[in-house]
Amino acid sequence: MMARLSGLVPTVGVVSGRCFAGNANLAGLCDTLIATPKAALGMGGPPLVEAALGLTLTPEELGPAEMHEACGAIDVLVADEQEAINCVRLYLEYFRGAGSQVWGFDPDISFYEILYRKIHDGL
């Protein structure tokens, strides 16, 4: 799905907690990755690291957000989830076309309701 979306729509990921293995892979495939200080990311989680290397690490020791921001894996490190939401909205505004309702959605309807309708309408 991510490959099909690439180049068609902007993909943005938000990580605000522990994110390892497949979920970290999906987050890393996003065009932009936003995280909070509580985020911890890695391709292999603590159990894998312990089994492979014999090291016992917490998720926060293994893949802290600050480290990923410093190396460029996280594009934007924000203070909390509300700031992450605001950052996503601002980011997506850059891709908005002319007009106030580009997508034809009622702004009072939640994202999840829109997604539910799209899935059940076969879009």
N, C-alpha and C. Protein backbone atom coordinates (compact mmCIF):
# COMPACT_ATOMS: atom_id res chain seq x y z
N MET A 1 0.82 -1.18 0.00
CA MET A 1 0.00 0.00 0.00
C MET A 1 0.87 1.25 0.00
N MET A 2 1.93 1.26 0.81
CA MET A 2 2.78 2.45 0.86
C MET A 2 3.41 2.72 -0.50
N ALA A 3 3.80 1.68 -1.21
CA ALA A 3 4.39 1.86 -2.53
C ALA A 3 3.36 2.44 -3.50
N ARG A 4 2.12 2.03 -3.38
CA ARG A 4 1.08 2.55 -4.25
C ARG A 4 0.76 4.01 -3.94
N LEU A 5 0.89 4.39 -2.68
CA LEU A 5 0.60 5.77 -2.29
C LEU A 5 1.76 6.71 -2.62
N SER A 6 2.97 6.18 -2.68
CA SER A 6 4.16 7.00 -2.90
C SER A 6 4.03 7.81 -4.18
N GLY A 7 4.19 9.11 -4.03
CA GLY A 7 4.10 10.00 -5.17
C GLY A 7 2.70 10.45 -5.52
N LEU A 8 1.69 9.78 -4.96
CA LEU A 8 0.30 10.17 -5.23
C LEU A 8 -0.24 11.11 -4.17
N VAL A 9 0.04 10.78 -2.93
CA VAL A 9 -0.42 11.58 -1.80
C VAL A 9 0.73 11.70 -0.80
N PRO A 10 0.75 12.76 -0.03
CA PRO A 10 1.79 12.86 1.00
C PRO A 10 1.49 11.85 2.11
N THR A 11 2.50 11.13 2.52
CA THR A 11 2.32 10.19 3.63
C THR A 11 3.05 10.75 4.84
N VAL A 12 2.37 10.74 5.96
CA VAL A 12 2.95 11.29 7.18
C VAL A 12 2.67 10.31 8.31
N GLY A 13 3.67 10.05 9.12
CA GLY A 13 3.52 9.15 10.26
C GLY A 13 3.73 9.90 11.55
N VAL A 14 3.04 9.47 12.59
CA VAL A 14 3.21 10.03 13.92
C VAL A 14 3.49 8.88 14.87
N VAL A 15 4.57 8.99 15.63
CA VAL A 15 4.91 7.99 16.63
C VAL A 15 4.95 8.69 17.98
N SER A 16 4.14 8.19 18.91
CA SER A 16 4.10 8.82 20.23
C SER A 16 4.30 7.80 21.34
N GLY A 17 4.80 6.65 20.98
CA GLY A 17 5.06 5.61 21.97
C GLY A 17 6.05 4.61 21.40
N ARG A 18 5.95 3.38 21.83
CA ARG A 18 6.86 2.34 21.36
C ARG A 18 6.45 1.85 19.97
N CYS A 19 7.42 1.77 19.08
CA CYS A 19 7.16 1.41 17.69
C CYS A 19 8.33 0.58 17.18
N PHE A 20 8.12 -0.74 17.08
CA PHE A 20 9.20 -1.63 16.67
C PHE A 20 8.75 -2.55 15.56
N ALA A 21 9.72 -3.12 14.87
CA ALA A 21 9.52 -4.12 13.82
C ALA A 21 8.70 -3.55 12.67
N GLY A 22 7.64 -4.25 12.26
CA GLY A 22 6.86 -3.85 11.10
C GLY A 22 6.28 -2.45 11.20
N ASN A 23 5.84 -2.08 12.40
CA ASN A 23 5.29 -0.73 12.57
C ASN A 23 6.35 0.33 12.36
N ALA A 24 7.56 0.08 12.82
CA ALA A 24 8.66 1.02 12.60
C ALA A 24 9.00 1.10 11.12
N ASN A 25 8.91 -0.03 10.44
CA ASN A 25 9.18 -0.05 9.01
C ASN A 25 8.16 0.83 8.27
N LEU A 26 6.89 0.69 8.60
CA LEU A 26 5.85 1.52 7.96
C LEU A 26 6.06 3.00 8.28
N ALA A 27 6.40 3.30 9.52
CA ALA A 27 6.65 4.70 9.89
C ALA A 27 7.81 5.26 9.09
N GLY A 28 8.85 4.47 8.92
CA GLY A 28 10.02 4.91 8.18
C GLY A 28 9.77 5.11 6.70
N LEU A 29 8.74 4.48 6.16
CA LEU A 29 8.41 4.64 4.75
C LEU A 29 7.62 5.92 4.46
N CYS A 30 7.15 6.58 5.50
CA CYS A 30 6.38 7.81 5.31
C CYS A 30 7.28 8.93 4.78
N ASP A 31 6.69 9.82 4.01
CA ASP A 31 7.43 10.98 3.50
C ASP A 31 7.95 11.83 4.65
N THR A 32 7.14 11.97 5.67
CA THR A 32 7.50 12.76 6.84
C THR A 32 7.13 11.99 8.09
N LEU A 33 8.05 11.97 9.06
CA LEU A 33 7.80 11.27 10.31
C LEU A 33 7.90 12.26 11.46
N ILE A 34 6.83 12.33 12.23
CA ILE A 34 6.72 13.23 13.38
C ILE A 34 6.66 12.36 14.62
N ALA A 35 7.35 12.77 15.68
CA ALA A 35 7.36 11.97 16.91
C ALA A 35 7.36 12.87 18.13
N THR A 36 6.93 12.28 19.24
CA THR A 36 6.98 12.95 20.54
C THR A 36 8.19 12.40 21.30
N PRO A 37 8.59 13.08 22.38
CA PRO A 37 9.73 12.58 23.16
C PRO A 37 9.52 11.18 23.74
N LYS A 38 8.27 10.73 23.86
CA LYS A 38 8.00 9.40 24.40
C LYS A 38 8.16 8.30 23.35
N ALA A 39 8.44 8.67 22.12
CA ALA A 39 8.58 7.68 21.05
C ALA A 39 9.86 6.87 21.23
N ALA A 40 9.77 5.59 20.90
CA ALA A 40 10.93 4.69 20.87
C ALA A 40 10.76 3.82 19.64
N LEU A 41 11.73 3.86 18.73
CA LEU A 41 11.62 3.15 17.46
C LEU A 41 12.80 2.23 17.25
N GLY A 42 12.54 1.15 16.52
CA GLY A 42 13.62 0.25 16.15
C GLY A 42 13.12 -0.90 15.31
N MET A 43 13.97 -1.40 14.44
CA MET A 43 13.59 -2.54 13.60
C MET A 43 13.52 -3.82 14.41
N GLY A 44 14.33 -3.92 15.44
CA GLY A 44 14.28 -5.07 16.34
C GLY A 44 14.04 -4.57 17.75
N GLY A 45 13.06 -5.13 18.41
CA GLY A 45 12.73 -4.69 19.76
C GLY A 45 13.64 -5.32 20.80
N PRO A 46 13.44 -4.96 22.06
CA PRO A 46 14.27 -5.49 23.14
C PRO A 46 14.39 -7.01 23.18
N PRO A 47 13.31 -7.79 22.96
CA PRO A 47 13.48 -9.25 23.00
C PRO A 47 14.45 -9.76 21.92
N LEU A 48 14.38 -9.18 20.74
CA LEU A 48 15.28 -9.59 19.66
C LEU A 48 16.72 -9.22 19.99
N VAL A 49 16.93 -8.03 20.50
CA VAL A 49 18.27 -7.59 20.87
C VAL A 49 18.84 -8.48 21.97
N GLU A 50 18.01 -8.82 22.94
CA GLU A 50 18.47 -9.69 24.02
C GLU A 50 18.82 -11.08 23.50
N ALA A 51 17.98 -11.62 22.63
CA ALA A 51 18.25 -12.96 22.08
C ALA A 51 19.49 -12.97 21.21
N ALA A 52 19.68 -11.92 20.43
CA ALA A 52 20.81 -11.89 19.48
C ALA A 52 22.12 -11.45 20.12
N LEU A 53 22.05 -10.49 21.03
CA LEU A 53 23.28 -9.90 21.57
C LEU A 53 23.47 -10.11 23.06
N GLY A 54 22.43 -10.60 23.72
CA GLY A 54 22.53 -10.79 25.16
C GLY A 54 22.43 -9.50 25.96
N LEU A 55 22.02 -8.43 25.32
CA LEU A 55 21.86 -7.14 26.00
C LEU A 55 20.42 -6.95 26.43
N THR A 56 20.23 -6.52 27.65
CA THR A 56 18.89 -6.24 28.15
C THR A 56 18.70 -4.73 28.17
N LEU A 57 17.88 -4.25 27.25
CA LEU A 57 17.64 -2.82 27.11
C LEU A 57 16.14 -2.55 27.13
N THR A 58 15.76 -1.39 27.65
CA THR A 58 14.37 -0.97 27.55
C THR A 58 14.15 -0.41 26.14
N PRO A 59 12.91 -0.34 25.69
CA PRO A 59 12.66 0.27 24.39
C PRO A 59 13.20 1.70 24.30
N GLU A 60 13.08 2.42 25.39
CA GLU A 60 13.54 3.81 25.40
C GLU A 60 15.06 3.91 25.33
N GLU A 61 15.77 2.92 25.85
CA GLU A 61 17.23 2.89 25.73
C GLU A 61 17.65 2.46 24.32
N LEU A 62 16.87 1.60 23.74
CA LEU A 62 17.21 1.02 22.44
C LEU A 62 17.00 2.00 21.28
N GLY A 63 15.90 2.73 21.29
CA GLY A 63 15.61 3.62 20.16
C GLY A 63 14.94 4.90 20.56
N PRO A 64 15.59 5.74 21.38
CA PRO A 64 14.94 6.97 21.83
C PRO A 64 14.71 7.97 20.70
N ALA A 65 13.67 8.75 20.85
CA ALA A 65 13.30 9.73 19.83
C ALA A 65 14.42 10.71 19.53
N GLU A 66 15.12 11.15 20.56
CA GLU A 66 16.18 12.13 20.37
C GLU A 66 17.28 11.60 19.45
N MET A 67 17.60 10.33 19.58
CA MET A 67 18.62 9.72 18.73
C MET A 67 18.15 9.69 17.27
N HIS A 68 16.89 9.32 17.08
CA HIS A 68 16.35 9.24 15.72
C HIS A 68 16.21 10.62 15.08
N GLU A 69 15.93 11.61 15.89
CA GLU A 69 15.88 12.97 15.35
C GLU A 69 17.29 13.41 14.92
N ALA A 70 18.27 13.12 15.76
CA ALA A 70 19.65 13.53 15.46
C ALA A 70 20.18 12.89 14.17
N CYS A 71 19.79 11.64 13.92
CA CYS A 71 20.29 10.96 12.71
C CYS A 71 19.39 11.17 11.50
N GLY A 72 18.25 11.84 11.69
CA GLY A 72 17.39 12.18 10.56
C GLY A 72 16.26 11.20 10.29
N ALA A 73 16.12 10.17 11.09
CA ALA A 73 15.01 9.22 10.88
C ALA A 73 13.67 9.85 11.26
N ILE A 74 13.68 10.72 12.27
CA ILE A 74 12.50 11.50 12.64
C ILE A 74 12.69 12.89 12.07
N ASP A 75 11.71 13.34 11.30
CA ASP A 75 11.82 14.66 10.67
C ASP A 75 11.50 15.79 11.64
N VAL A 76 10.48 15.58 12.48
CA VAL A 76 10.06 16.63 13.40
C VAL A 76 9.80 16.00 14.76
N LEU A 77 10.47 16.53 15.79
CA LEU A 77 10.23 16.09 17.16
C LEU A 77 9.42 17.18 17.84
N VAL A 78 8.21 16.82 18.29
CA VAL A 78 7.30 17.79 18.91
C VAL A 78 7.12 17.46 20.38
N ALA A 79 6.53 18.38 21.13
CA ALA A 79 6.41 18.23 22.58
C ALA A 79 5.41 17.17 23.00
N ASP A 80 4.29 17.04 22.28
CA ASP A 80 3.25 16.11 22.70
C ASP A 80 2.35 15.75 21.52
N GLU A 81 1.34 14.92 21.78
CA GLU A 81 0.46 14.45 20.70
C GLU A 81 -0.35 15.59 20.07
N GLN A 82 -0.79 16.54 20.87
CA GLN A 82 -1.55 17.66 20.31
C GLN A 82 -0.69 18.46 19.34
N GLU A 83 0.55 18.68 19.71
CA GLU A 83 1.45 19.40 18.80
C GLU A 83 1.72 18.57 17.54
N ALA A 84 1.76 17.25 17.69
CA ALA A 84 1.94 16.38 16.52
C ALA A 84 0.76 16.53 15.56
N ILE A 85 -0.45 16.56 16.11
CA ILE A 85 -1.65 16.74 15.28
C ILE A 85 -1.59 18.08 14.56
N ASN A 86 -1.23 19.12 15.28
CA ASN A 86 -1.13 20.44 14.66
C ASN A 86 -0.07 20.45 13.57
N CYS A 87 1.03 19.75 13.80
CA CYS A 87 2.11 19.68 12.82
C CYS A 87 1.65 18.94 11.56
N VAL A 88 0.90 17.86 11.74
CA VAL A 88 0.37 17.12 10.59
C VAL A 88 -0.56 18.01 9.79
N ARG A 89 -1.43 18.72 10.46
CA ARG A 89 -2.36 19.61 9.76
C ARG A 89 -1.61 20.67 8.97
N LEU A 90 -0.61 21.26 9.59
CA LEU A 90 0.19 22.28 8.90
C LEU A 90 0.91 21.67 7.71
N TYR A 91 1.50 20.52 7.89
CA TYR A 91 2.21 19.82 6.81
C TYR A 91 1.28 19.56 5.63
N LEU A 92 0.10 19.04 5.92
CA LEU A 92 -0.84 18.71 4.84
C LEU A 92 -1.40 19.95 4.16
N GLU A 93 -1.43 21.08 4.85
CA GLU A 93 -1.88 22.33 4.24
C GLU A 93 -1.01 22.71 3.05
N TYR A 94 0.25 22.32 3.07
CA TYR A 94 1.14 22.64 1.96
C TYR A 94 0.72 21.95 0.67
N PHE A 95 -0.06 20.89 0.79
CA PHE A 95 -0.48 20.12 -0.37
C PHE A 95 -1.91 20.41 -0.80
N ARG A 96 -2.52 21.35 -0.15
CA ARG A 96 -3.91 21.67 -0.43
C ARG A 96 -4.02 22.46 -1.72
N GLY A 97 -5.01 22.13 -2.49
CA GLY A 97 -5.24 22.86 -3.74
C GLY A 97 -6.07 24.10 -3.50
N ALA A 98 -6.55 24.69 -4.56
CA ALA A 98 -7.37 25.89 -4.45
C ALA A 98 -8.74 25.54 -3.87
N GLY A 99 -9.32 26.45 -3.15
CA GLY A 99 -10.66 26.23 -2.59
C GLY A 99 -10.60 25.80 -1.15
N SER A 100 -11.71 25.98 -0.46
CA SER A 100 -11.72 25.69 0.97
C SER A 100 -12.01 24.22 1.27
N GLN A 101 -12.68 23.52 0.36
CA GLN A 101 -12.98 22.12 0.60
C GLN A 101 -12.50 21.29 -0.59
N VAL A 102 -11.20 21.19 -0.69
CA VAL A 102 -10.59 20.49 -1.81
C VAL A 102 -11.10 19.06 -1.92
N TRP A 103 -11.22 18.39 -0.81
CA TRP A 103 -11.60 16.98 -0.82
C TRP A 103 -13.12 16.79 -0.81
N GLY A 104 -13.86 17.87 -0.63
CA GLY A 104 -15.31 17.77 -0.61
C GLY A 104 -15.85 17.21 0.69
N PHE A 105 -15.09 17.27 1.76
CA PHE A 105 -15.53 16.73 3.04
C PHE A 105 -16.04 17.86 3.93
N ASP A 106 -16.97 17.51 4.76
CA ASP A 106 -17.43 18.43 5.78
C ASP A 106 -16.38 18.46 6.88
N PRO A 107 -15.80 19.63 7.21
CA PRO A 107 -14.74 19.68 8.21
C PRO A 107 -15.19 19.28 9.61
N ASP A 108 -16.50 19.21 9.83
CA ASP A 108 -17.00 18.80 11.14
C ASP A 108 -17.08 17.28 11.29
N ILE A 109 -16.87 16.55 10.21
CA ILE A 109 -16.89 15.09 10.27
C ILE A 109 -15.49 14.62 10.59
N SER A 110 -15.37 13.68 11.49
CA SER A 110 -14.05 13.21 11.90
C SER A 110 -13.35 12.45 10.78
N PHE A 111 -12.04 12.42 10.86
CA PHE A 111 -11.23 11.67 9.91
C PHE A 111 -11.66 10.21 9.87
N TYR A 112 -11.96 9.63 11.02
CA TYR A 112 -12.32 8.22 11.08
C TYR A 112 -13.66 7.95 10.40
N GLU A 113 -14.58 8.88 10.49
CA GLU A 113 -15.86 8.73 9.80
C GLU A 113 -15.64 8.78 8.29
N ILE A 114 -14.79 9.69 7.85
CA ILE A 114 -14.47 9.78 6.42
C ILE A 114 -13.82 8.49 5.95
N LEU A 115 -12.86 7.99 6.71
CA LEU A 115 -12.17 6.75 6.35
C LEU A 115 -13.15 5.58 6.30
N TYR A 116 -14.04 5.50 7.29
CA TYR A 116 -15.05 4.44 7.33
C TYR A 116 -15.91 4.48 6.07
N ARG A 117 -16.35 5.68 5.70
CA ARG A 117 -17.19 5.83 4.50
C ARG A 117 -16.43 5.41 3.25
N LYS A 118 -15.18 5.80 3.15
CA LYS A 118 -14.38 5.46 1.97
C LYS A 118 -14.21 3.95 1.85
N ILE A 119 -13.94 3.30 2.97
CA ILE A 119 -13.74 1.84 2.95
C ILE A 119 -15.03 1.14 2.54
N HIS A 120 -16.15 1.55 3.12
CA HIS A 120 -17.41 0.88 2.84
C HIS A 120 -18.04 1.28 1.51
N ASP A 121 -17.58 2.39 0.94
CA ASP A 121 -18.05 2.78 -0.40
C ASP A 121 -17.17 2.18 -1.49
N GLY A 122 -16.14 1.45 -1.07
CA GLY A 122 -15.26 0.79 -2.03
C GLY A 122 -14.24 1.71 -2.68
N LEU A 123 -13.95 2.83 -2.06
CA LEU A 123 -12.97 3.76 -2.63
C LEU A 123 -11.60 3.49 -2.09
